[in-house]
């Protein structure tokens, strides 16, 4: 897993190709899945950790945009 973007205490981690985890201080808050993910791999990660918020986007760039919007909405 690699951190692909960081904003303060928030990170966007790539768990697998096309599967991203939004975390705050290391705690999982949401998941983002792109069309670039392998369905079998994505399903495993979507079922992990019991997080109910999953966003589906088209590409990696859209995953980064979803992350920025998520953090911005919670920074208020």
Protein backbone atom coordinates (compact mmCIF):
# COMPACT_ATOMS: atom_id res chain seq x y z
CA UNK A 1 0.00 0.00 0.00
CA UNK A 2 1.25 3.48 -0.74
CA UNK A 3 0.11 6.92 0.29
CA UNK A 4 -0.81 8.76 -2.87
CA UNK A 5 -2.00 12.01 -1.32
CA UNK A 6 -1.86 13.68 2.10
CA UNK A 7 -3.80 16.66 3.43
CA UNK A 8 -3.09 17.43 7.08
CA UNK A 9 -4.14 14.37 9.07
CA UNK A 10 -5.94 12.86 6.07
CA UNK A 11 -4.40 10.39 3.62
CA UNK A 12 -5.48 8.66 0.45
CA UNK A 13 -3.86 5.23 0.37
CA UNK A 14 -3.81 2.95 -2.66
CA UNK A 15 -4.58 -0.51 -1.28
CA UNK A 16 -4.58 -2.24 -4.69
CA UNK A 17 -4.72 -0.97 -8.27
CA UNK A 18 -7.91 1.09 -8.46
CA UNK A 19 -8.81 0.66 -4.76
CA UNK A 20 -8.17 3.64 -2.46
CA UNK A 21 -8.70 4.14 1.26
CA UNK A 22 -9.46 7.53 2.80
CA UNK A 23 -8.04 7.69 6.32
CA UNK A 24 -7.85 10.26 9.08
CA UNK A 25 -5.03 9.71 11.56
CA UNK A 26 -4.78 6.16 10.27
CA UNK A 27 -8.46 5.37 10.85
CA UNK A 28 -10.39 4.23 7.79
CA UNK A 29 -13.21 6.63 6.90
CA UNK A 30 -14.20 5.73 3.32
CA UNK A 31 -13.20 3.73 0.27
CA UNK A 32 -12.91 4.80 -3.36
CA UNK A 33 -12.98 2.29 -6.22
CA UNK A 34 -12.15 3.07 -9.83
CA UNK A 35 -12.95 1.19 -13.02
CA UNK A 36 -9.22 0.33 -13.13
CA UNK A 37 -9.64 -2.12 -10.22
CA UNK A 38 -9.85 -5.88 -10.62
CA UNK A 39 -13.36 -6.92 -9.51
CA UNK A 40 -12.15 -9.81 -7.33
CA UNK A 41 -9.50 -7.69 -5.57
CA UNK A 42 -11.84 -4.73 -5.12
CA UNK A 43 -14.53 -6.93 -3.57
CA UNK A 44 -12.11 -8.23 -0.93
CA UNK A 45 -11.11 -4.71 0.09
CA UNK A 46 -14.69 -3.42 0.05
CA UNK A 47 -15.73 -6.08 2.52
CA UNK A 48 -12.77 -5.43 4.87
CA UNK A 49 -13.16 -3.27 7.98
CA UNK A 50 -16.93 -2.79 7.73
CA UNK A 51 -16.81 0.74 6.31
CA UNK A 52 -20.14 1.63 4.75
CA UNK A 53 -19.06 4.60 2.62
CA UNK A 54 -17.80 3.50 -0.78
CA UNK A 55 -17.44 5.84 -3.73
CA UNK A 56 -17.22 4.59 -7.31
CA UNK A 57 -15.35 6.80 -9.76
CA UNK A 58 -13.96 6.43 -13.28
CA UNK A 59 -10.23 6.87 -12.83
CA UNK A 60 -7.33 7.64 -10.49
CA UNK A 61 -7.67 11.37 -11.06
CA UNK A 62 -11.33 11.19 -10.04
CA UNK A 63 -10.31 9.26 -6.89
CA UNK A 64 -7.98 12.12 -5.94
CA UNK A 65 -10.75 14.65 -6.59
CA UNK A 66 -13.18 12.61 -4.46
CA UNK A 67 -10.57 12.59 -1.66
CA UNK A 68 -10.12 16.37 -1.82
CA UNK A 69 -13.89 16.93 -1.73
CA UNK A 70 -14.32 14.48 1.15
CA UNK A 71 -11.67 16.20 3.25
CA UNK A 72 -12.94 19.68 2.37
CA UNK A 73 -16.49 18.76 3.43
CA UNK A 74 -15.22 17.55 6.81
CA UNK A 75 -12.80 20.43 7.44
CA UNK A 76 -15.58 22.82 8.42
